[in-house]
Amino acid sequence: MTPAAKGILAMIGCCTIWGLSALIYKQFSHVPAIEVLAHRTFWSFIFFVVLLGIQGRLGEMRRAFASWRTCAITATASLLILANWFLFIWAIETERATQSSLGYYIYPLVSVVLGWALFSERLSTVQWGAIALAAAGVCVLTYGLGGAPWIALTLAITFAIYGVIKKQLQVGPVVSVTAEVVLVAPFAALFLWLSWHNGHAAFGSDFTTTALLIFAGPLTAVPLIMFSYAARHASMATIGLVGYLNPTLQFFCAVVVFSEPFSSWHVMAFALIWTALIIYSSVLWLQDKAARNAASPAAASGTSVT
């Protein structure tokens, strides 16, 4: 199997875990979301530190704290991803998984707009049309539900800004996330100790809850490692297209497994956003194909391949 094929499989595995993780977090409906977040942070910290220690890469984290600037960037990224994690957990626990899936459908288009606004990345008329369709979908849902889908918008915006912040760090994704959880792990540990000391901790209350809370660590870490591998070996167009598997599985869990309400307003809004993503993804795929053709020896020499 070629490295590119392995990269695609890694991306599929990564998005499958992310998309179906709602099934795990739904088991914590009796545990406050902030406590679940603390466990997710703490056990992710343990997992990453052990992994990097085994690989002899703990020293690489120095690059994430090399200066006041990199420390500030790492801290900002840490706060953003914590906010994103908390809102996702809370949305699943409070029967708002449909909004969560909507947020991760919107996220790629928010990233495109940020790329245009902050990095002067050029967008075609077709891409702007796709963004307008997605915005129309959000407006339809806002009108139909009598309020903005703020969970979806917050998830999309925080994750998109997190991506922008991460572009400023010259550190690999696994190392940078380890550095991020290193900053907040002491606070998570303190919160968990106080919860236990005051007799309010879910940890230890029963075997299933305790095991799942510990499992939240590798559940966070493993897909990130798979994503890191995919990013190195698969094309960006492939990563972008396969990435929609995550919110699609979230949507399936919300509507089919959790039986959350899905009104006619949801149908119209999701139809507009799915259409926008199809248009945007088609443009991305064509651009990637053109770039690969231009880079091929046949294209460079002007010969044709049959």
C-alpha atoms as a PDB file:
ATOM      1  CA  MET A   1       0.000   0.000   0.000  1.00  0.00           C
ATOM      2  CA  THR A   2       1.354   3.417  -0.970  1.00  0.00           C
ATOM      3  CA  PRO A   3       1.933   6.167   1.618  1.00  0.00           C
ATOM      4  CA  ALA A   4      -0.847   8.207  -0.042  1.00  0.00           C
ATOM      5  CA  ALA A   5      -3.315   5.338   0.364  1.00  0.00           C
ATOM      6  CA  LYS A   6      -2.271   4.929   4.003  1.00  0.00           C
ATOM      7  CA  GLY A   7      -2.790   8.664   4.451  1.00  0.00           C
ATOM      8  CA  ILE A   8      -6.346   8.413   3.114  1.00  0.00           C
ATOM      9  CA  LEU A   9      -7.085   5.469   5.410  1.00  0.00           C
ATOM     10  CA  ALA A  10      -5.662   7.411   8.345  1.00  0.00           C
ATOM     11  CA  MET A  11      -7.912  10.364   7.522  1.00  0.00           C
ATOM     12  CA  ILE A  12     -10.947   8.096   7.246  1.00  0.00           C
ATOM     13  CA  GLY A  13     -10.103   6.521  10.601  1.00  0.00           C
ATOM     14  CA  CYS A  14      -9.536   9.913  12.182  1.00  0.00           C
ATOM     15  CA  CYS A  15     -12.865  11.353  10.985  1.00  0.00           C
ATOM     16  CA  THR A  16     -14.727   8.176  11.915  1.00  0.00           C
ATOM     17  CA  ILE A  17     -13.472   8.420  15.495  1.00  0.00           C
ATOM     18  CA  TRP A  18     -14.253  12.132  15.664  1.00  0.00           C
ATOM     19  CA  GLY A  19     -17.718  11.638  14.172  1.00  0.00           C
ATOM     20  CA  LEU A  20     -18.694   8.714  16.385  1.00  0.00           C
ATOM     21  CA  SER A  21     -17.159  10.163  19.558  1.00  0.00           C
ATOM     22  CA  ALA A  22     -20.587  11.667  20.227  1.00  0.00           C
ATOM     23  CA  LEU A  23     -21.707   8.154  21.185  1.00  0.00           C
ATOM     24  CA  ILE A  24     -19.104   8.140  23.972  1.00  0.00           C
ATOM     25  CA  TYR A  25     -19.739  11.658  25.236  1.00  0.00           C
ATOM     26  CA  LYS A  26     -23.468  10.950  25.312  1.00  0.00           C
ATOM     27  CA  GLN A  27     -22.713   8.442  28.099  1.00  0.00           C
ATOM     28  CA  PHE A  28     -21.658  11.385  30.295  1.00  0.00           C
ATOM     29  CA  SER A  29     -25.084  13.038  30.384  1.00  0.00           C
ATOM     30  CA  HIS A  30     -25.047  12.577  34.179  1.00  0.00           C
ATOM     31  CA  VAL A  31     -21.601  14.213  34.513  1.00  0.00           C
ATOM     32  CA  PRO A  32     -21.144  18.010  34.307  1.00  0.00           C
ATOM     33  CA  ALA A  33     -19.530  19.000  31.003  1.00  0.00           C
ATOM     34  CA  ILE A  34     -16.785  20.926  32.819  1.00  0.00           C
ATOM     35  CA  GLU A  35     -15.779  17.756  34.694  1.00  0.00           C
ATOM     36  CA  VAL A  36     -15.714  15.743  31.462  1.00  0.00           C
ATOM     37  CA  LEU A  37     -13.552  18.490  29.925  1.00  0.00           C
ATOM     38  CA  ALA A  38     -11.143  18.319  32.870  1.00  0.00           C
ATOM     39  CA  HIS A  39     -10.780  14.556  32.464  1.00  0.00           C
ATOM     40  CA  ARG A  40     -10.374  14.874  28.688  1.00  0.00           C
ATOM     41  CA  THR A  41      -7.616  17.429  29.231  1.00  0.00           C
ATOM     42  CA  PHE A  42      -5.838  15.534  32.020  1.00  0.00           C
ATOM     43  CA  TRP A  43      -5.849  12.097  30.387  1.00  0.00           C
ATOM     44  CA  SER A  44      -4.871  13.601  27.023  1.00  0.00           C
ATOM     45  CA  PHE A  45      -1.904  15.163  28.815  1.00  0.00           C
ATOM     46  CA  ILE A  46      -0.905  11.791  30.284  1.00  0.00           C
ATOM     47  CA  PHE A  47      -1.278  10.034  26.937  1.00  0.00           C
ATOM     48  CA  PHE A  48       0.710  12.610  24.944  1.00  0.00           C
ATOM     49  CA  VAL A  49       3.517  12.928  27.479  1.00  0.00           C
ATOM     50  CA  VAL A  50       3.952   9.140  27.670  1.00  0.00           C
ATOM     51  CA  LEU A  51       3.856   8.856  23.868  1.00  0.00           C
ATOM     52  CA  LEU A  52       6.403  11.620  23.276  1.00  0.00           C
ATOM     53  CA  GLY A  53       8.550  10.257  26.104  1.00  0.00           C
ATOM     54  CA  ILE A  54       8.634   6.819  24.466  1.00  0.00           C
ATOM     55  CA  GLN A  55       9.528   8.466  21.150  1.00  0.00           C
ATOM     56  CA  GLY A  56      12.187  10.619  22.793  1.00  0.00           C
ATOM     57  CA  ARG A  57      10.505  13.793  21.530  1.00  0.00           C
ATOM     58  CA  LEU A  58       9.614  15.624  24.741  1.00  0.00           C
ATOM     59  CA  GLY A  59      12.420  18.070  24.056  1.00  0.00           C
ATOM     60  CA  GLU A  60      10.574  19.272  20.958  1.00  0.00           C
ATOM     61  CA  MET A  61       8.044  21.012  23.192  1.00  0.00           C
ATOM     62  CA  ARG A  62      10.658  23.649  23.970  1.00  0.00           C
ATOM     63  CA  ARG A  63       9.912  25.155  20.569  1.00  0.00           C
ATOM     64  CA  ALA A  64       6.337  25.878  21.687  1.00  0.00           C
ATOM     65  CA  PHE A  65       7.734  27.849  24.655  1.00  0.00           C
ATOM     66  CA  ALA A  66      10.842  29.269  22.997  1.00  0.00           C
ATOM     67  CA  SER A  67       9.807  32.904  23.485  1.00  0.00           C
ATOM     68  CA  TRP A  68       7.088  35.045  24.999  1.00  0.00           C
ATOM     69  CA  ARG A  69       5.459  35.201  21.568  1.00  0.00           C
ATOM     70  CA  THR A  70       5.300  31.431  21.109  1.00  0.00           C
ATOM     71  CA  CYS A  71       4.115  31.019  24.707  1.00  0.00           C
ATOM     72  CA  ALA A  72       1.313  33.502  24.067  1.00  0.00           C
ATOM     73  CA  ILE A  73       0.348  31.735  20.825  1.00  0.00           C
ATOM     74  CA  THR A  74       0.342  28.331  22.536  1.00  0.00           C
ATOM     75  CA  ALA A  75      -1.734  29.680  25.438  1.00  0.00           C
ATOM     76  CA  THR A  76      -4.244  31.283  23.063  1.00  0.00           C
ATOM     77  CA  ALA A  77      -4.549  28.071  21.075  1.00  0.00           C
ATOM     78  CA  SER A  78      -5.032  26.171  24.327  1.00  0.00           C
ATOM     79  CA  LEU A  79      -7.924  28.403  25.418  1.00  0.00           C
ATOM     80  CA  LEU A  80      -9.592  28.165  22.009  1.00  0.00           C
ATOM     81  CA  ILE A  81      -9.428  24.372  21.804  1.00  0.00           C
ATOM     82  CA  LEU A  82     -10.656  24.066  25.403  1.00  0.00           C
ATOM     83  CA  ALA A  83     -13.647  26.269  24.570  1.00  0.00           C
ATOM     84  CA  ASN A  84     -14.311  24.146  21.483  1.00  0.00           C
ATOM     85  CA  TRP A  85     -14.025  20.871  23.407  1.00  0.00           C
ATOM     86  CA  PHE A  86     -16.284  22.109  26.209  1.00  0.00           C
ATOM     87  CA  LEU A  87     -19.004  23.348  23.864  1.00  0.00           C
ATOM     88  CA  PHE A  88     -18.927  20.094  21.890  1.00  0.00           C
ATOM     89  CA  ILE A  89     -19.276  18.011  25.070  1.00  0.00           C
ATOM     90  CA  TRP A  90     -22.034  20.256  26.388  1.00  0.00           C
ATOM     91  CA  ALA A  91     -23.906  20.140  23.064  1.00  0.00           C
ATOM     92  CA  ILE A  92     -23.867  16.337  23.047  1.00  0.00           C
ATOM     93  CA  GLU A  93     -24.969  16.095  26.673  1.00  0.00           C
ATOM     94  CA  THR A  94     -27.847  18.560  26.222  1.00  0.00           C
ATOM     95  CA  GLU A  95     -29.319  17.072  23.019  1.00  0.00           C
ATOM     96  CA  ARG A  96     -27.835  19.655  20.669  1.00  0.00           C
ATOM     97  CA  ALA A  97     -25.697  17.294  18.597  1.00  0.00           C
ATOM     98  CA  THR A  98     -27.447  18.455  15.413  1.00  0.00           C
ATOM     99  CA  GLN A  99     -26.073  21.950  15.985  1.00  0.00           C
ATOM    100  CA  SER A 100     -22.667  20.461  16.690  1.00  0.00           C
ATOM    101  CA  SER A 101     -22.635  18.708  13.321  1.00  0.00           C
ATOM    102  CA  LEU A 102     -23.784  21.929  11.648  1.00  0.00           C
ATOM    103  CA  GLY A 103     -20.837  23.746  13.209  1.00  0.00           C
ATOM    104  CA  TYR A 104     -18.305  21.353  11.731  1.00  0.00           C
ATOM    105  CA  TYR A 105     -20.006  21.583   8.343  1.00  0.00           C
ATOM    106  CA  ILE A 106     -19.689  25.378   8.473  1.00  0.00           C
ATOM    107  CA  TYR A 107     -16.111  25.346   9.809  1.00  0.00           C
ATOM    108  CA  PRO A 108     -14.298  24.833   6.440  1.00  0.00           C
ATOM    109  CA  LEU A 109     -16.096  27.808   4.915  1.00  0.00           C
ATOM    110  CA  VAL A 110     -15.318  29.991   7.948  1.00  0.00           C
ATOM    111  CA  SER A 111     -11.653  29.000   7.522  1.00  0.00           C
ATOM    112  CA  VAL A 112     -11.801  30.069   3.873  1.00  0.00           C
ATOM    113  CA  VAL A 113     -13.148  33.490   4.848  1.00  0.00           C
ATOM    114  CA  LEU A 114     -10.438  33.900   7.507  1.00  0.00           C
ATOM    115  CA  GLY A 115      -7.810  32.922   4.942  1.00  0.00           C
ATOM    116  CA  TRP A 116      -9.116  35.638   2.640  1.00  0.00           C
ATOM    117  CA  ALA A 117      -9.342  38.257   5.418  1.00  0.00           C
ATOM    118  CA  LEU A 118      -6.061  37.542   7.215  1.00  0.00           C
ATOM    119  CA  PHE A 119      -3.748  36.006   4.622  1.00  0.00           C
ATOM    120  CA  SER A 120      -5.032  37.606   1.398  1.00  0.00           C
ATOM    121  CA  GLU A 121      -5.915  34.221  -0.056  1.00  0.00           C
ATOM    122  CA  ARG A 122      -7.805  34.684  -3.302  1.00  0.00           C
ATOM    123  CA  LEU A 123     -11.320  33.299  -3.709  1.00  0.00           C
ATOM    124  CA  SER A 124     -13.113  32.690  -6.977  1.00  0.00           C
ATOM    125  CA  THR A 125     -16.641  33.871  -7.688  1.00  0.00           C
ATOM    126  CA  VAL A 126     -17.849  30.287  -7.334  1.00  0.00           C
ATOM    127  CA  GLN A 127     -16.259  30.002  -3.886  1.00  0.00           C
ATOM    128  CA  TRP A 128     -17.873  33.250  -2.783  1.00  0.00           C
ATOM    129  CA  GLY A 129     -21.162  31.835  -4.042  1.00  0.00           C
ATOM    130  CA  ALA A 130     -20.665  28.747  -1.877  1.00  0.00           C
ATOM    131  CA  ILE A 131     -20.003  30.943   1.168  1.00  0.00           C
ATOM    132  CA  ALA A 132     -23.140  32.981   0.407  1.00  0.00           C
ATOM    133  CA  LEU A 133     -25.212  29.775   0.231  1.00  0.00           C
ATOM    134  CA  ALA A 134     -23.885  28.638   3.609  1.00  0.00           C
ATOM    135  CA  ALA A 135     -24.668  32.059   5.095  1.00  0.00           C
ATOM    136  CA  ALA A 136     -28.175  31.809   3.666  1.00  0.00           C
ATOM    137  CA  GLY A 137     -28.548  28.411   5.357  1.00  0.00           C
ATOM    138  CA  VAL A 138     -27.604  29.912   8.721  1.00  0.00           C
ATOM    139  CA  CYS A 139     -30.057  32.785   8.158  1.00  0.00           C
ATOM    140  CA  VAL A 140     -32.852  30.340   7.300  1.00  0.00           C
ATOM    141  CA  LEU A 141     -32.218  28.371  10.487  1.00  0.00           C
ATOM    142  CA  THR A 142     -32.028  31.571  12.542  1.00  0.00           C
ATOM    143  CA  TYR A 143     -35.400  32.699  11.207  1.00  0.00           C
ATOM    144  CA  GLY A 144     -37.023  29.299  11.550  1.00  0.00           C
ATOM    145  CA  LEU A 145     -35.848  28.631  15.095  1.00  0.00           C
ATOM    146  CA  GLY A 146     -36.273  32.196  16.300  1.00  0.00           C
ATOM    147  CA  GLY A 147     -32.608  32.580  17.174  1.00  0.00           C
ATOM    148  CA  ALA A 148     -29.140  32.101  15.761  1.00  0.00           C
ATOM    149  CA  PRO A 149     -27.603  28.601  15.964  1.00  0.00           C
ATOM    150  CA  TRP A 150     -24.970  30.004  18.300  1.00  0.00           C
ATOM    151  CA  ILE A 151     -23.548  26.599  19.244  1.00  0.00           C
ATOM    152  CA  ALA A 152     -22.815  25.772  15.613  1.00  0.00           C
ATOM    153  CA  LEU A 153     -21.396  29.222  14.906  1.00  0.00           C
ATOM    154  CA  THR A 154     -19.212  29.213  18.033  1.00  0.00           C
ATOM    155  CA  LEU A 155     -17.837  25.742  17.282  1.00  0.00           C
ATOM    156  CA  ALA A 156     -17.045  26.756  13.701  1.00  0.00           C
ATOM    157  CA  ILE A 157     -15.478  30.092  14.617  1.00  0.00           C
ATOM    158  CA  THR A 158     -13.382  28.849  17.557  1.00  0.00           C
ATOM    159  CA  PHE A 159     -12.017  25.918  15.553  1.00  0.00           C
ATOM    160  CA  ALA A 160     -11.294  28.129  12.532  1.00  0.00           C
ATOM    161  CA  ILE A 161      -9.459  30.708  14.650  1.00  0.00           C
ATOM    162  CA  TYR A 162      -7.619  27.865  16.365  1.00  0.00           C
ATOM    163  CA  GLY A 163      -6.394  26.794  12.925  1.00  0.00           C
ATOM    164  CA  VAL A 164      -5.227  30.328  12.189  1.00  0.00           C
ATOM    165  CA  ILE A 165      -3.341  30.481  15.488  1.00  0.00           C
ATOM    166  CA  LYS A 166      -1.714  27.100  14.813  1.00  0.00           C
ATOM    167  CA  LYS A 167      -0.334  28.417  11.510  1.00  0.00           C
ATOM    168  CA  GLN A 168       1.864  30.752  13.544  1.00  0.00           C
ATOM    169  CA  LEU A 169       3.633  27.868  15.308  1.00  0.00           C
ATOM    170  CA  GLN A 170       6.497  26.019  13.636  1.00  0.00           C
ATOM    171  CA  VAL A 171       5.768  22.896  15.654  1.00  0.00           C
ATOM    172  CA  GLY A 172       4.183  19.602  14.624  1.00  0.00           C
ATOM    173  CA  PRO A 173       0.519  19.050  15.550  1.00  0.00           C
ATOM    174  CA  VAL A 174       1.084  16.340  18.169  1.00  0.00           C
ATOM    175  CA  VAL A 175       3.851  18.290  19.915  1.00  0.00           C
ATOM    176  CA  SER A 176       1.886  21.553  19.798  1.00  0.00           C
ATOM    177  CA  VAL A 177      -1.265  19.977  21.261  1.00  0.00           C
ATOM    178  CA  THR A 178       0.859  18.388  23.988  1.00  0.00           C
ATOM    179  CA  ALA A 179       2.219  21.834  24.798  1.00  0.00           C
ATOM    180  CA  GLU A 180      -1.327  23.199  24.881  1.00  0.00           C
ATOM    181  CA  VAL A 181      -2.582  20.588  27.351  1.00  0.00           C
ATOM    182  CA  VAL A 182       0.602  20.976  29.436  1.00  0.00           C
ATOM    183  CA  LEU A 183      -0.467  24.564  30.132  1.00  0.00           C
ATOM    184  CA  VAL A 184      -3.934  23.642  31.373  1.00  0.00           C
ATOM    185  CA  ALA A 185      -3.367  20.151  32.820  1.00  0.00           C
ATOM    186  CA  PRO A 186      -2.464  21.540  36.305  1.00  0.00           C
ATOM    187  CA  PHE A 187      -5.775  23.438  36.422  1.00  0.00           C
ATOM    188  CA  ALA A 188      -7.646  20.329  35.252  1.00  0.00           C
ATOM    189  CA  ALA A 189      -5.903  18.229  37.916  1.00  0.00           C
ATOM    190  CA  LEU A 190      -6.714  20.818  40.616  1.00  0.00           C
ATOM    191  CA  PHE A 191     -10.368  20.916  39.565  1.00  0.00           C
ATOM    192  CA  LEU A 192     -10.608  17.112  39.622  1.00  0.00           C
ATOM    193  CA  TRP A 193      -8.948  16.915  43.044  1.00  0.00           C
ATOM    194  CA  LEU A 194     -11.330  19.532  44.474  1.00  0.00           C
ATOM    195  CA  SER A 195     -14.315  17.683  43.002  1.00  0.00           C
ATOM    196  CA  TRP A 196     -13.126  14.455  44.578  1.00  0.00           C
ATOM    197  CA  HIS A 197     -12.293  16.146  47.891  1.00  0.00           C
ATOM    198  CA  ASN A 198     -15.771  17.706  48.058  1.00  0.00           C
ATOM    199  CA  GLY A 199     -17.463  14.426  47.204  1.00  0.00           C
ATOM    200  CA  HIS A 200     -18.866  15.606  43.843  1.00  0.00           C
ATOM    201  CA  ALA A 201     -16.586  13.657  41.512  1.00  0.00           C
ATOM    202  CA  ALA A 202     -18.068  11.236  38.985  1.00  0.00           C
ATOM    203  CA  PHE A 203     -14.681   9.521  38.753  1.00  0.00           C
ATOM    204  CA  GLY A 204     -14.798   6.369  40.870  1.00  0.00           C
ATOM    205  CA  SER A 205     -18.585   6.382  41.189  1.00  0.00           C
ATOM    206  CA  ASP A 206     -18.879   3.309  38.971  1.00  0.00           C
ATOM    207  CA  PHE A 207     -16.584   1.286  36.742  1.00  0.00           C
ATOM    208  CA  THR A 208     -18.144   2.276  33.395  1.00  0.00           C
ATOM    209  CA  THR A 209     -18.049   6.030  34.046  1.00  0.00           C
ATOM    210  CA  THR A 210     -14.502   5.871  35.401  1.00  0.00           C
ATOM    211  CA  ALA A 211     -13.245   3.820  32.452  1.00  0.00           C
ATOM    212  CA  LEU A 212     -14.906   6.115  29.913  1.00  0.00           C
ATOM    213  CA  LEU A 213     -13.495   9.240  31.571  1.00  0.00           C
ATOM    214  CA  ILE A 214      -9.988   7.781  31.291  1.00  0.00           C
ATOM    215  CA  PHE A 215     -10.754   6.697  27.716  1.00  0.00           C
ATOM    216  CA  ALA A 216     -11.483  10.343  26.837  1.00  0.00           C
ATOM    217  CA  GLY A 217      -7.702  10.859  26.771  1.00  0.00           C
ATOM    218  CA  PRO A 218      -6.795   8.423  23.965  1.00  0.00           C
ATOM    219  CA  LEU A 219     -10.118   9.255  22.278  1.00  0.00           C
ATOM    220  CA  THR A 220      -8.742  12.767  21.899  1.00  0.00           C
ATOM    221  CA  ALA A 221      -5.142  11.850  21.138  1.00  0.00           C
ATOM    222  CA  VAL A 222      -5.355   8.928  18.689  1.00  0.00           C
ATOM    223  CA  PRO A 223      -7.369  10.677  15.935  1.00  0.00           C
ATOM    224  CA  LEU A 224      -5.042  13.663  16.137  1.00  0.00           C
ATOM    225  CA  ILE A 225      -2.055  11.392  15.517  1.00  0.00           C
ATOM    226  CA  MET A 226      -3.907   9.841  12.571  1.00  0.00           C
ATOM    227  CA  PHE A 227      -4.705  13.294  11.229  1.00  0.00           C
ATOM    228  CA  SER A 228      -1.046  14.272  11.531  1.00  0.00           C
ATOM    229  CA  TYR A 229      -0.075  11.240   9.435  1.00  0.00           C
ATOM    230  CA  ALA A 230      -2.778  11.979   6.864  1.00  0.00           C
ATOM    231  CA  ALA A 231      -1.686  15.604   6.543  1.00  0.00           C
ATOM    232  CA  ARG A 232       1.825  14.472   5.611  1.00  0.00           C
ATOM    233  CA  HIS A 233       0.850  11.813   3.050  1.00  0.00           C
ATOM    234  CA  ALA A 234      -2.532  12.756   1.500  1.00  0.00           C
ATOM    235  CA  SER A 235      -3.367  15.778  -0.653  1.00  0.00           C
ATOM    236  CA  MET A 236      -5.136  18.738   0.935  1.00  0.00           C
ATOM    237  CA  ALA A 237      -8.109  18.243  -1.383  1.00  0.00           C
ATOM    238  CA  THR A 238      -8.462  14.649  -0.201  1.00  0.00           C
ATOM    239  CA  ILE A 239      -8.177  15.708   3.441  1.00  0.00           C
ATOM    240  CA  GLY A 240     -10.811  18.381   2.894  1.00  0.00           C
ATOM    241  CA  LEU A 241     -13.265  16.033   1.220  1.00  0.00           C
ATOM    242  CA  VAL A 242     -12.803  13.137   3.649  1.00  0.00           C
ATOM    243  CA  GLY A 243     -13.058  15.643   6.497  1.00  0.00           C
ATOM    244  CA  TYR A 244     -16.799  15.959   5.888  1.00  0.00           C
ATOM    245  CA  LEU A 245     -17.158  12.406   7.173  1.00  0.00           C
ATOM    246  CA  ASN A 246     -16.816  13.812  10.701  1.00  0.00           C
ATOM    247  CA  PRO A 247     -19.894  16.094  10.741  1.00  0.00           C
ATOM    248  CA  THR A 248     -21.824  13.585   8.624  1.00  0.00           C
ATOM    249  CA  LEU A 249     -21.384  10.906  11.298  1.00  0.00           C
ATOM    250  CA  GLN A 250     -22.212  13.485  13.972  1.00  0.00           C
ATOM    251  CA  PHE A 251     -25.378  14.313  12.047  1.00  0.00           C
ATOM    252  CA  PHE A 252     -26.244  10.599  11.810  1.00  0.00           C
ATOM    253  CA  CYS A 253     -25.774  10.158  15.554  1.00  0.00           C
ATOM    254  CA  ALA A 254     -27.888  13.228  16.323  1.00  0.00           C
ATOM    255  CA  VAL A 255     -30.848  12.474  14.084  1.00  0.00           C
ATOM    256  CA  VAL A 256     -30.878   8.668  13.868  1.00  0.00           C
ATOM    257  CA  VAL A 257     -29.323   7.475  17.139  1.00  0.00           C
ATOM    258  CA  PHE A 258     -30.274  10.296  19.524  1.00  0.00           C
ATOM    259  CA  SER A 259     -33.579  11.105  17.728  1.00  0.00           C
ATOM    260  CA  GLU A 260     -33.078  14.855  18.018  1.00  0.00           C
ATOM    261  CA  PRO A 261     -35.703  17.088  16.336  1.00  0.00           C
ATOM    262  CA  PHE A 262     -35.066  17.812  12.653  1.00  0.00           C
ATOM    263  CA  SER A 263     -37.640  20.275  11.377  1.00  0.00           C
ATOM    264  CA  SER A 264     -38.358  21.548   7.873  1.00  0.00           C
ATOM    265  CA  TRP A 265     -36.196  24.572   8.740  1.00  0.00           C
ATOM    266  CA  HIS A 266     -33.303  22.226   9.464  1.00  0.00           C
ATOM    267  CA  VAL A 267     -33.918  20.492   6.117  1.00  0.00           C
ATOM    268  CA  MET A 268     -33.738  23.792   4.211  1.00  0.00           C
ATOM    269  CA  ALA A 269     -30.706  25.055   6.113  1.00  0.00           C
ATOM    270  CA  PHE A 270     -28.734  21.825   5.799  1.00  0.00           C
ATOM    271  CA  ALA A 271     -29.660  21.552   2.101  1.00  0.00           C
ATOM    272  CA  LEU A 272     -28.186  25.009   1.446  1.00  0.00           C
ATOM    273  CA  ILE A 273     -25.042  24.261   3.466  1.00  0.00           C
ATOM    274  CA  TRP A 274     -24.537  20.821   1.867  1.00  0.00           C
ATOM    275  CA  THR A 275     -24.916  22.434  -1.582  1.00  0.00           C
ATOM    276  CA  ALA A 276     -22.341  25.048  -0.595  1.00  0.00           C
ATOM    277  CA  LEU A 277     -19.922  22.338   0.523  1.00  0.00           C
ATOM    278  CA  ILE A 278     -20.399  20.362  -2.703  1.00  0.00           C
ATOM    279  CA  ILE A 279     -19.608  23.486  -4.747  1.00  0.00           C
ATOM    280  CA  TYR A 280     -16.637  24.423  -2.586  1.00  0.00           C
ATOM    281  CA  SER A 281     -15.248  20.867  -2.539  1.00  0.00           C
ATOM    282  CA  SER A 282     -15.600  20.555  -6.316  1.00  0.00           C
ATOM    283  CA  VAL A 283     -13.561  23.719  -6.818  1.00  0.00           C
ATOM    284  CA  LEU A 284     -10.957  22.477  -4.336  1.00  0.00           C
ATOM    285  CA  TRP A 285     -10.733  19.103  -6.085  1.00  0.00           C
ATOM    286  CA  LEU A 286     -10.375  20.691  -9.539  1.00  0.00           C
ATOM    287  CA  GLN A 287      -7.658  23.044  -8.264  1.00  0.00           C
ATOM    288  CA  ASP A 288      -5.776  20.144  -6.700  1.00  0.00           C
ATOM    289  CA  LYS A 289      -6.099  18.087  -9.886  1.00  0.00           C
ATOM    290  CA  ALA A 290      -4.825  20.973 -12.009  1.00  0.00           C
ATOM    291  CA  ALA A 291      -1.872  21.487  -9.664  1.00  0.00           C
ATOM    292  CA  ARG A 292      -0.948  17.783  -9.812  1.00  0.00           C
ATOM    293  CA  ASN A 293      -1.235  17.739 -13.593  1.00  0.00           C
ATOM    294  CA  ALA A 294       0.954  20.818 -13.876  1.00  0.00           C
ATOM    295  CA  ALA A 295       3.558  19.198 -11.634  1.00  0.00           C
ATOM    296  CA  SER A 296       3.638  15.892 -13.501  1.00  0.00           C
ATOM    297  CA  PRO A 297       6.541  15.183 -15.877  1.00  0.00           C
ATOM    298  CA  ALA A 298       4.112  14.613 -18.724  1.00  0.00           C
ATOM    299  CA  ALA A 299       2.577  18.030 -18.276  1.00  0.00           C
ATOM    300  CA  ALA A 300       5.973  19.651 -17.950  1.00  0.00           C
ATOM    301  CA  SER A 301       7.249  18.087 -21.206  1.00  0.00           C
ATOM    302  CA  GLY A 302       4.059  18.716 -23.107  1.00  0.00           C
ATOM    303  CA  THR A 303       3.436  15.022 -23.807  1.00  0.00           C
ATOM    304  CA  SER A 304       0.098  13.314 -23.369  1.00  0.00           C
ATOM    305  CA  VAL A 305      -0.591  10.221 -21.361  1.00  0.00           C
ATOM    306  CA  THR A 306      -3.216   7.756 -22.634  1.00  0.00           C
END
